[in-house]
Amino acid sequence: MKIVSADRAVNLVNSGDNIYIHTASAAPQQLIKALTSRHAELAEITFFHLHTEGEAPYVNPEYKDAFRTKAFFVGSNIRKALETGQADYIPVFLSEIPNLFNKGLIKIDVALVHVSPPDKHGYCSLGVSVDASKAAILNAKTVIAQVNPNMPRTHGDGIVHESKIDFGVEVNDELPEHAPAELTESERKIGRNCANLIEDGATLQMGIGSIPDAVLAALGNHKNLGVHTEMFSDGLIPLLESGIVNNSNKRIHPNRTVSSFLVGTRKLYDFVDDNPNVALLDCAYVNDTAVIRRNPKVTAINSAIEVDLTGQICADSIGVKQYSGVGGQMDFIRGASLSEGGKPIIALPSVTRKGISRITPVLKEGAGVVTTRAHVHYVVTEYGIAHLYGKALRERANELIKVAQPDHREFLEQEAFKRFKKM
């Protein structure tokens, strides 16, 4: 690894290159800005990445002649670019993204990553984000790393020897932070309802946000929980520190919390730094249903934008408007359903902030079905738990109407009667 300035490092990028950007809080901002500043010299550059925290200046309209973006997951920093056509979205399960690189379906010329400084043996860590980033490094022609003492050294698959990095750019930047929001009473009710489905000894998967935090906050009386998840945030720390999450019942990676990437505050980043009880692993492994199902009582809690009366789950778009991505929802919904005693759960508020029902007769026109009705077992709102598994369409509609916001139930009943003729 040769240490150079950011400007010199990105001079390696040529017109027509495919560029991979490290995920979430590991997005290397100084490398991104340095490359963007070369826009006048470049053409037909394509960026590939999952969700990234921080700025994404390469999608600014003034750079449209130089840069395009193809995202595997859509964050807030590129949503507008999707609407204008400057960016595009690749629907894909998180578990399958590494194979797009490994099989050469997407060729990466340059990987821009963010690592901890090398240790005495010359090994850097990918820190808070392994996911598909390790596969991108292994398949890229050139690897450029932002080397940062603020990046935690995490254990697992994200260990990269400095000889595998072509150029390093030393920085001393704080990582982007995502602080937990204050929970509403509605979110707390959803959390308690989900907690009622979680058994002692269960293996948990959940993401970031108010509902996962509400579930975690409701688990204070549980015992011997484990975690095998694609990501986690600060809400898990109290359960790990108290021993409620001890991973003792897991069959694979017992006594270790397994994840693929992290987003949270500095408290989380410090917690995982050199913590041998936390393993960050490649998402092709973490999200493999054959791996997930091996743990007992896998309880996967995922969210949705809307659910129709048959149980179809739209989790990545608002009608035709792309909002996020497929991510790992289906990986874990299926993995949990195949696990011995497993429970796949979709949890969501019954209405939007504008009071519109999230339980709908049909999905919006153009909405993406992330999880099919054949995969859904439980749908949870603040009004209770809908049990859908093994039930006919009419029975499913009845279950979902019971957990809808009361003001919307009469309309949903009328629409269900029109469709199914008998309720």
Protein backbone atom coordinates (compact mmCIF):
# COMPACT_ATOMS: atom_id res chain seq x y z
CA MET A 1 0.00 0.00 0.00
CA LYS A 2 1.49 3.27 -1.12
CA ILE A 3 0.40 6.31 0.90
CA VAL A 4 -0.54 9.25 -1.35
CA SER A 5 -2.93 12.21 -1.39
CA ALA A 6 -6.59 11.69 -2.29
CA ASP A 7 -6.15 13.65 -5.52
CA ARG A 8 -3.24 11.49 -6.63
CA ALA A 9 -5.01 8.27 -5.70
CA VAL A 10 -8.11 8.97 -7.78
CA ASN A 11 -5.96 9.86 -10.80
CA LEU A 12 -5.92 6.09 -11.33
CA VAL A 13 -9.58 6.26 -12.38
CA ASN A 14 -10.15 6.37 -16.13
CA SER A 15 -13.20 7.16 -18.25
CA GLY A 16 -15.43 4.12 -18.62
CA ASP A 17 -14.40 2.59 -15.26
CA ASN A 18 -16.79 0.83 -12.91
CA ILE A 19 -16.27 2.13 -9.36
CA TYR A 20 -17.40 0.37 -6.17
CA ILE A 21 -18.07 2.50 -3.07
CA HIS A 22 -17.84 1.03 0.44
CA THR A 23 -21.20 0.64 2.23
CA ALA A 24 -23.12 2.72 4.79
CA SER A 25 -20.99 4.54 7.39
CA ALA A 26 -17.81 3.33 5.67
CA ALA A 27 -18.39 5.35 2.49
CA PRO A 28 -14.97 7.04 1.97
CA GLN A 29 -16.02 10.67 1.71
CA GLN A 30 -12.65 12.20 0.90
CA LEU A 31 -12.05 9.79 -1.97
CA ILE A 32 -15.57 10.41 -3.26
CA LYS A 33 -15.07 14.19 -3.20
CA ALA A 34 -11.65 13.96 -4.84
CA LEU A 35 -13.00 11.79 -7.64
CA THR A 36 -16.04 14.00 -8.14
CA SER A 37 -13.75 17.02 -8.54
CA ARG A 38 -12.31 15.33 -11.66
CA HIS A 39 -15.70 15.30 -13.39
CA ALA A 40 -14.56 17.55 -16.26
CA GLU A 41 -11.84 15.04 -17.22
CA LEU A 42 -14.01 11.91 -17.05
CA ALA A 43 -16.89 10.29 -18.91
CA GLU A 44 -19.02 7.16 -18.55
CA ILE A 45 -17.98 6.43 -14.99
CA THR A 46 -20.46 4.07 -13.28
CA PHE A 47 -20.70 3.87 -9.50
CA PHE A 48 -21.97 0.70 -7.82
CA HIS A 49 -22.89 0.60 -4.16
CA LEU A 50 -25.43 -0.33 -1.54
CA HIS A 51 -26.85 2.27 0.82
CA THR A 52 -24.25 4.89 1.75
CA GLU A 53 -24.23 7.39 4.59
CA GLY A 54 -23.00 10.92 4.00
CA GLU A 55 -22.93 12.86 0.77
CA ALA A 56 -23.16 11.43 -2.73
CA PRO A 57 -22.04 14.39 -4.87
CA TYR A 58 -21.58 12.22 -7.97
CA VAL A 59 -25.37 12.23 -8.48
CA ASN A 60 -25.56 16.03 -8.66
CA PRO A 61 -27.16 17.13 -11.95
CA GLU A 62 -24.10 19.12 -13.02
CA TYR A 63 -22.07 15.88 -13.17
CA LYS A 64 -24.49 13.88 -15.31
CA ASP A 65 -22.14 13.83 -18.32
CA ALA A 66 -19.39 12.18 -16.27
CA PHE A 67 -21.09 9.90 -13.73
CA ARG A 68 -23.92 7.43 -13.45
CA THR A 69 -24.97 5.34 -10.47
CA LYS A 70 -26.37 1.84 -10.24
CA ALA A 71 -27.39 1.15 -6.67
CA PHE A 72 -28.14 -2.22 -5.07
CA PHE A 73 -30.02 -0.38 -2.31
CA VAL A 74 -31.36 3.17 -2.40
CA GLY A 75 -30.59 5.64 0.38
CA SER A 76 -31.90 9.16 0.83
CA ASN A 77 -28.78 10.66 -0.79
CA ILE A 78 -29.63 9.26 -4.25
CA ARG A 79 -33.46 9.09 -4.31
CA LYS A 80 -33.82 12.34 -6.23
CA ALA A 81 -31.27 11.13 -8.81
CA LEU A 82 -33.43 8.05 -9.43
CA GLU A 83 -36.40 10.28 -10.16
CA THR A 84 -34.42 12.32 -12.69
CA GLY A 85 -32.92 9.25 -14.36
CA GLN A 86 -29.31 9.98 -13.38
CA ALA A 87 -29.23 6.91 -11.13
CA ASP A 88 -30.70 3.44 -11.48
CA TYR A 89 -31.58 0.61 -9.11
CA ILE A 90 -30.59 -3.06 -9.39
CA PRO A 91 -33.14 -5.34 -7.66
CA VAL A 92 -31.18 -8.13 -5.98
CA PHE A 93 -31.11 -10.06 -2.72
CA LEU A 94 -28.31 -8.87 -0.45
CA SER A 95 -27.06 -12.47 -0.28
CA GLU A 96 -26.45 -12.50 -4.03
CA ILE A 97 -24.55 -9.22 -4.51
CA PRO A 98 -21.07 -10.67 -3.85
CA ASN A 99 -21.64 -13.24 -6.59
CA LEU A 100 -22.30 -10.48 -9.11
CA PHE A 101 -18.62 -9.59 -8.60
CA ASN A 102 -17.31 -13.13 -8.07
CA LYS A 103 -18.90 -14.41 -11.29
CA GLY A 104 -17.85 -11.38 -13.30
CA LEU A 105 -21.42 -10.32 -14.05
CA ILE A 106 -20.41 -6.87 -12.83
CA LYS A 107 -16.73 -6.07 -13.32
CA ILE A 108 -15.18 -3.65 -10.86
CA ASP A 109 -12.22 -1.58 -12.04
CA VAL A 110 -11.66 0.41 -8.84
CA ALA A 111 -12.87 -0.23 -5.29
CA LEU A 112 -12.98 2.83 -3.02
CA VAL A 113 -12.98 1.59 0.57
CA HIS A 114 -12.43 2.82 4.12
CA VAL A 115 -10.20 0.89 6.53
CA SER A 116 -8.47 1.03 9.89
CA PRO A 117 -4.71 1.56 9.91
CA PRO A 118 -2.67 -1.62 9.47
CA ASP A 119 -1.73 -3.48 12.64
CA LYS A 120 1.80 -4.70 13.41
CA HIS A 121 1.23 -7.59 11.01
CA GLY A 122 0.13 -5.31 8.18
CA TYR A 123 -3.59 -6.10 8.37
CA CYS A 124 -6.28 -3.44 8.01
CA SER A 125 -9.95 -3.90 8.89
CA LEU A 126 -13.00 -2.97 6.82
CA GLY A 127 -14.47 -1.92 10.15
CA VAL A 128 -18.20 -1.31 10.23
CA SER A 129 -18.95 -2.72 6.78
CA VAL A 130 -18.01 -6.09 5.29
CA ASP A 131 -21.25 -7.02 3.42
CA ALA A 132 -20.42 -7.11 -0.32
CA SER A 133 -17.39 -4.85 0.07
CA LYS A 134 -14.93 -7.70 0.69
CA ALA A 135 -16.01 -9.35 -2.57
CA ALA A 136 -15.59 -6.02 -4.40
CA ILE A 137 -12.02 -5.73 -3.10
CA LEU A 138 -11.15 -9.27 -4.13
CA ASN A 139 -12.43 -8.68 -7.66
CA ALA A 140 -11.34 -5.08 -8.30
CA LYS A 141 -8.39 -4.34 -10.55
CA THR A 142 -7.34 -1.48 -8.25
CA VAL A 143 -8.09 -0.90 -4.56
CA ILE A 144 -7.87 2.59 -3.06
CA ALA A 145 -8.39 2.87 0.69
CA GLN A 146 -9.12 5.76 2.98
CA VAL A 147 -7.07 4.85 6.09
CA ASN A 148 -8.65 6.19 9.26
CA PRO A 149 -7.80 5.64 12.95
CA ASN A 150 -11.48 6.31 13.75
CA MET A 151 -12.52 3.16 11.87
CA PRO A 152 -12.95 0.35 14.42
CA ARG A 153 -11.06 -2.90 13.95
CA THR A 154 -13.71 -5.56 13.73
CA HIS A 155 -13.21 -9.32 13.73
CA GLY A 156 -14.40 -11.60 10.95
CA ASP A 157 -14.12 -11.47 7.16
CA GLY A 158 -13.13 -7.82 6.89
CA ILE A 159 -9.41 -8.29 7.47
CA VAL A 160 -7.38 -7.07 4.48
CA HIS A 161 -3.58 -7.11 4.27
CA GLU A 162 -2.06 -3.82 3.18
CA SER A 163 -0.42 -5.62 0.24
CA LYS A 164 -3.91 -6.06 -1.25
CA ILE A 165 -4.43 -2.28 -1.23
CA ASP A 166 -2.77 -0.34 -4.04
CA PHE A 167 -3.01 3.17 -2.63
CA GLY A 168 -3.87 4.46 0.84
CA VAL A 169 -5.02 7.96 1.73
CA GLU A 170 -4.58 8.86 5.39
CA VAL A 171 -7.48 10.74 7.00
CA ASN A 172 -8.69 11.45 10.51
CA ASP A 173 -12.42 11.82 9.93
CA GLU A 174 -15.28 10.92 12.24
CA LEU A 175 -17.61 8.26 10.86
CA PRO A 176 -21.20 9.29 10.06
CA GLU A 177 -23.50 8.57 13.00
CA HIS A 178 -27.14 7.54 13.13
CA ALA A 179 -28.60 8.31 16.55
CA PRO A 180 -31.68 6.40 17.78
CA ALA A 181 -34.91 8.40 17.65
CA GLU A 182 -37.26 8.83 20.60
CA LEU A 183 -39.83 6.02 20.45
CA THR A 184 -43.50 6.84 20.11
CA GLU A 185 -46.16 4.98 22.09
CA SER A 186 -47.34 3.36 18.86
CA GLU A 187 -43.83 2.06 18.18
CA ARG A 188 -43.53 0.77 21.73
CA LYS A 189 -46.78 -1.17 21.28
CA ILE A 190 -45.45 -2.72 18.09
CA GLY A 191 -42.26 -3.61 19.96
CA ARG A 192 -44.21 -5.30 22.76
CA ASN A 193 -46.35 -7.22 20.28
CA CYS A 194 -43.26 -8.49 18.50
CA ALA A 195 -41.61 -9.34 21.83
CA ASN A 196 -44.58 -11.57 22.63
CA LEU A 197 -43.65 -13.71 19.63
CA ILE A 198 -39.97 -13.99 20.60
CA GLU A 199 -39.12 -17.02 22.69
CA ASP A 200 -36.22 -17.44 25.09
CA GLY A 201 -33.27 -18.87 23.22
CA ALA A 202 -34.34 -17.34 19.90
CA THR A 203 -31.84 -16.07 17.31
CA LEU A 204 -32.74 -12.54 16.23
CA GLN A 205 -32.47 -10.65 12.97
CA MET A 206 -33.51 -7.03 12.80
CA GLY A 207 -32.26 -3.86 11.23
CA ILE A 208 -32.02 -0.21 12.10
CA GLY A 209 -34.84 2.16 12.97
CA SER A 210 -37.52 2.86 15.51
CA ILE A 211 -39.38 -0.43 15.25
CA PRO A 212 -36.28 -2.64 15.71
CA ASP A 213 -35.26 -0.40 18.62
CA ALA A 214 -38.75 -0.74 20.10
CA VAL A 215 -38.55 -4.53 19.86
CA LEU A 216 -35.13 -4.60 21.51
CA ALA A 217 -36.38 -2.29 24.27
CA ALA A 218 -39.18 -4.77 25.04
CA LEU A 219 -36.89 -7.77 25.56
CA GLY A 220 -35.72 -6.97 29.09
CA ASN A 221 -37.26 -10.14 30.58
CA HIS A 222 -36.03 -12.56 27.90
CA LYS A 223 -33.16 -15.00 28.30
CA ASN A 224 -30.36 -16.49 26.22
CA LEU A 225 -31.10 -14.66 23.00
CA GLY A 226 -28.75 -14.80 20.03
CA VAL A 227 -28.11 -12.52 17.09
CA HIS A 228 -27.42 -13.46 13.46
CA THR A 229 -28.38 -10.42 11.41
CA GLU A 230 -27.33 -8.50 8.32
CA MET A 231 -26.94 -5.34 10.42
CA PHE A 232 -27.53 -3.90 13.86
CA SER A 233 -27.40 -0.59 15.67
CA ASP A 234 -27.06 0.90 19.16
CA GLY A 235 -30.32 -0.63 20.39
CA LEU A 236 -28.64 -4.01 20.77
CA ILE A 237 -25.88 -2.83 23.11
CA PRO A 238 -27.92 -2.86 26.39
CA LEU A 239 -29.03 -6.45 25.72
CA LEU A 240 -25.45 -7.54 25.03
CA GLU A 241 -24.12 -5.77 28.12
CA SER A 242 -26.84 -7.25 30.35
CA GLY A 243 -26.34 -10.79 29.06
CA ILE A 244 -29.88 -11.10 27.70
CA VAL A 245 -28.21 -11.55 24.33
CA ASN A 246 -25.42 -14.05 24.97
CA ASN A 247 -25.65 -16.22 21.83
CA SER A 248 -25.39 -19.34 24.00
CA ASN A 249 -28.10 -21.30 22.17
CA LYS A 250 -26.87 -20.67 18.63
CA ARG A 251 -25.70 -23.70 16.67
CA ILE A 252 -23.41 -21.76 14.37
CA HIS A 253 -21.09 -19.10 15.78
CA PRO A 254 -22.20 -19.79 19.38
CA ASN A 255 -21.31 -17.08 21.87
CA ARG A 256 -20.73 -14.54 19.06
CA THR A 257 -22.95 -11.85 17.60
CA VAL A 258 -22.89 -12.17 13.81
CA SER A 259 -23.60 -9.30 11.44
CA SER A 260 -22.52 -8.01 8.05
CA PHE A 261 -22.44 -4.25 8.61
CA LEU A 262 -23.25 -1.67 11.29
CA VAL A 263 -24.81 1.78 11.42
CA GLY A 264 -25.07 3.73 14.66
CA THR A 265 -23.30 6.16 16.94
CA ARG A 266 -19.72 6.35 18.16
CA LYS A 267 -20.84 4.26 21.15
CA LEU A 268 -21.57 1.37 18.79
CA TYR A 269 -18.33 1.79 16.87
CA ASP A 270 -16.35 1.75 20.12
CA PHE A 271 -18.30 -1.28 21.35
CA VAL A 272 -17.35 -3.40 18.32
CA ASP A 273 -13.73 -2.20 18.18
CA ASP A 274 -11.49 -5.23 18.72
CA ASN A 275 -14.45 -7.10 20.26
CA PRO A 276 -13.93 -10.83 19.64
CA ASN A 277 -17.57 -11.55 20.51
CA VAL A 278 -18.75 -9.65 17.42
CA ALA A 279 -18.06 -11.10 13.96
CA LEU A 280 -18.68 -9.11 10.77
CA LEU A 281 -18.94 -11.54 7.86
CA ASP A 282 -19.56 -11.53 4.11
CA CYS A 283 -23.27 -11.05 3.34
CA ALA A 284 -23.25 -14.00 0.92
CA TYR A 285 -22.72 -16.12 4.04
CA VAL A 286 -24.66 -14.16 6.67
CA ASN A 287 -27.75 -13.91 4.46
CA ASP A 288 -27.60 -17.45 3.04
CA THR A 289 -30.89 -19.15 3.95
CA ALA A 290 -29.05 -22.46 4.36
CA VAL A 291 -26.88 -20.80 7.03
CA ILE A 292 -29.68 -18.83 8.71
CA ARG A 293 -31.92 -21.87 9.14
CA ARG A 294 -29.26 -23.80 11.10
CA ASN A 295 -29.77 -21.62 14.16
CA PRO A 296 -32.74 -22.37 16.45
CA LYS A 297 -35.90 -20.26 16.63
CA VAL A 298 -34.69 -17.67 14.13
CA THR A 299 -36.99 -14.70 14.59
CA ALA A 300 -36.65 -12.25 11.71
CA ILE A 301 -38.29 -8.86 12.15
CA ASN A 302 -38.54 -6.74 9.02
CA SER A 303 -40.59 -3.72 8.04
CA ALA A 304 -42.81 -2.74 5.13
CA ILE A 305 -44.23 0.28 3.36
CA GLU A 306 -47.60 -1.37 2.77
CA VAL A 307 -49.29 -4.77 2.97
CA ASP A 308 -52.27 -5.81 0.86
CA LEU A 309 -55.16 -7.90 2.16
CA THR A 310 -53.62 -11.12 0.84
CA GLY A 311 -50.31 -10.54 2.62
CA GLN A 312 -48.15 -9.22 -0.21
CA ILE A 313 -45.36 -7.07 1.21
CA CYS A 314 -44.14 -3.91 -0.51
CA ALA A 315 -41.00 -2.81 1.30
CA ASP A 316 -38.91 -0.98 -1.29
CA SER A 317 -41.12 1.45 -3.23
CA ILE A 318 -44.02 3.86 -2.97
CA GLY A 319 -45.91 2.93 -6.09
CA VAL A 320 -43.44 3.37 -8.94
CA LYS A 321 -41.15 5.57 -6.84
CA GLN A 322 -38.12 3.61 -5.66
CA TYR A 323 -37.55 4.23 -1.96
CA SER A 324 -35.03 1.66 -0.70
CA GLY A 325 -34.33 -1.86 -1.94
CA VAL A 326 -34.94 -5.58 -1.62
CA GLY A 327 -32.00 -5.85 0.76
CA GLY A 328 -31.96 -8.93 2.96
CA GLN A 329 -35.64 -9.13 3.85
CA MET A 330 -36.40 -12.21 1.76
CA ASP A 331 -33.15 -13.89 2.77
CA PHE A 332 -34.17 -13.76 6.42
CA ILE A 333 -37.91 -14.22 6.01
CA ARG A 334 -37.22 -17.51 4.21
CA GLY A 335 -34.35 -18.47 6.51
CA ALA A 336 -36.50 -17.91 9.60
CA SER A 337 -39.41 -19.90 8.19
CA LEU A 338 -37.07 -22.87 7.59
CA SER A 339 -35.45 -22.63 11.02
CA GLU A 340 -36.63 -25.05 13.70
CA GLY A 341 -39.18 -23.00 15.66
CA GLY A 342 -38.44 -19.94 13.51
CA LYS A 343 -40.79 -16.99 13.06
CA PRO A 344 -40.67 -14.53 10.14
CA ILE A 345 -42.35 -11.26 11.15
CA ILE A 346 -43.31 -8.15 9.21
CA ALA A 347 -43.79 -5.22 11.62
CA LEU A 348 -45.14 -1.82 10.65
CA PRO A 349 -47.32 1.03 11.95
CA SER A 350 -50.95 0.66 10.90
CA VAL A 351 -50.99 4.11 9.25
CA THR A 352 -48.57 6.59 7.70
CA ARG A 353 -47.77 9.92 9.34
CA LYS A 354 -50.58 11.37 7.21
CA GLY A 355 -53.06 8.83 8.57
CA ILE A 356 -53.20 6.67 5.42
CA SER A 357 -53.67 2.97 6.10
CA ARG A 358 -50.61 0.83 5.42
CA ILE A 359 -52.88 -2.20 5.17
CA THR A 360 -54.54 -1.78 1.80
CA PRO A 361 -56.97 -3.69 -0.45
CA VAL A 362 -54.29 -3.83 -3.16
CA LEU A 363 -50.76 -2.50 -3.44
CA LYS A 364 -50.24 0.78 -5.23
CA GLU A 365 -49.80 0.57 -8.99
CA GLY A 366 -46.15 -0.15 -9.73
CA ALA A 367 -45.33 -1.19 -6.15
CA GLY A 368 -42.58 -3.79 -5.78
CA VAL A 369 -43.42 -7.06 -4.03
CA VAL A 370 -40.36 -7.75 -1.89
CA THR A 371 -41.87 -10.63 0.10
CA THR A 372 -44.59 -12.75 -1.46
CA ARG A 373 -47.76 -13.70 0.35
CA ALA A 374 -46.57 -17.32 0.33
CA HIS A 375 -43.59 -16.36 2.52
CA VAL A 376 -45.38 -14.26 5.16
CA HIS A 377 -46.23 -15.80 8.52
CA TYR A 378 -46.89 -12.86 10.87
CA VAL A 379 -47.81 -9.20 10.35
CA VAL A 380 -47.60 -7.03 13.47
CA THR A 381 -48.96 -3.52 14.06
CA GLU A 382 -49.67 -1.57 17.23
CA TYR A 383 -53.14 -3.21 17.22
CA GLY A 384 -51.94 -6.78 17.43
CA ILE A 385 -50.62 -9.79 15.54
CA ALA A 386 -52.07 -11.15 12.30
CA HIS A 387 -51.31 -14.85 11.81
CA LEU A 388 -51.32 -15.54 8.07
CA TYR A 389 -49.41 -18.78 7.65
CA GLY A 390 -51.59 -21.61 6.37
CA LYS A 391 -54.64 -19.40 5.97
CA ALA A 392 -56.73 -18.85 2.85
CA LEU A 393 -56.98 -15.42 1.22
CA ARG A 394 -60.29 -14.60 2.88
CA GLU A 395 -58.95 -15.64 6.28
CA ARG A 396 -55.84 -13.57 5.73
CA ALA A 397 -57.94 -10.51 4.96
CA ASN A 398 -59.84 -10.98 8.22
CA GLU A 399 -56.60 -11.29 10.19
CA LEU A 400 -55.12 -8.16 8.63
CA ILE A 401 -58.27 -6.09 9.09
CA LYS A 402 -58.13 -6.87 12.82
CA VAL A 403 -54.71 -5.21 13.12
CA ALA A 404 -55.55 -2.25 10.86
CA GLN A 405 -56.24 1.18 12.35
CA PRO A 406 -59.91 1.09 13.51
CA ASP A 407 -60.99 4.06 11.36
CA HIS A 408 -60.00 2.12 8.22
CA ARG A 409 -61.48 -1.27 9.06
CA GLU A 410 -64.95 -0.70 7.62
CA PHE A 411 -63.53 0.33 4.25
CA LEU A 412 -61.18 -2.66 4.23
CA GLU A 413 -64.07 -4.97 5.06
CA GLN A 414 -66.09 -3.57 2.16
CA GLU A 415 -63.19 -4.02 -0.25
CA ALA A 416 -62.54 -7.53 1.03
CA PHE A 417 -66.21 -8.44 0.49
CA LYS A 418 -66.09 -7.12 -3.08
CA ARG A 419 -63.06 -9.31 -3.78
CA PHE A 420 -63.89 -12.48 -1.92
CA LYS A 421 -67.74 -12.26 -2.00
CA LYS A 422 -68.03 -13.65 1.50
CA MET A 423 -66.32 -12.68 4.74
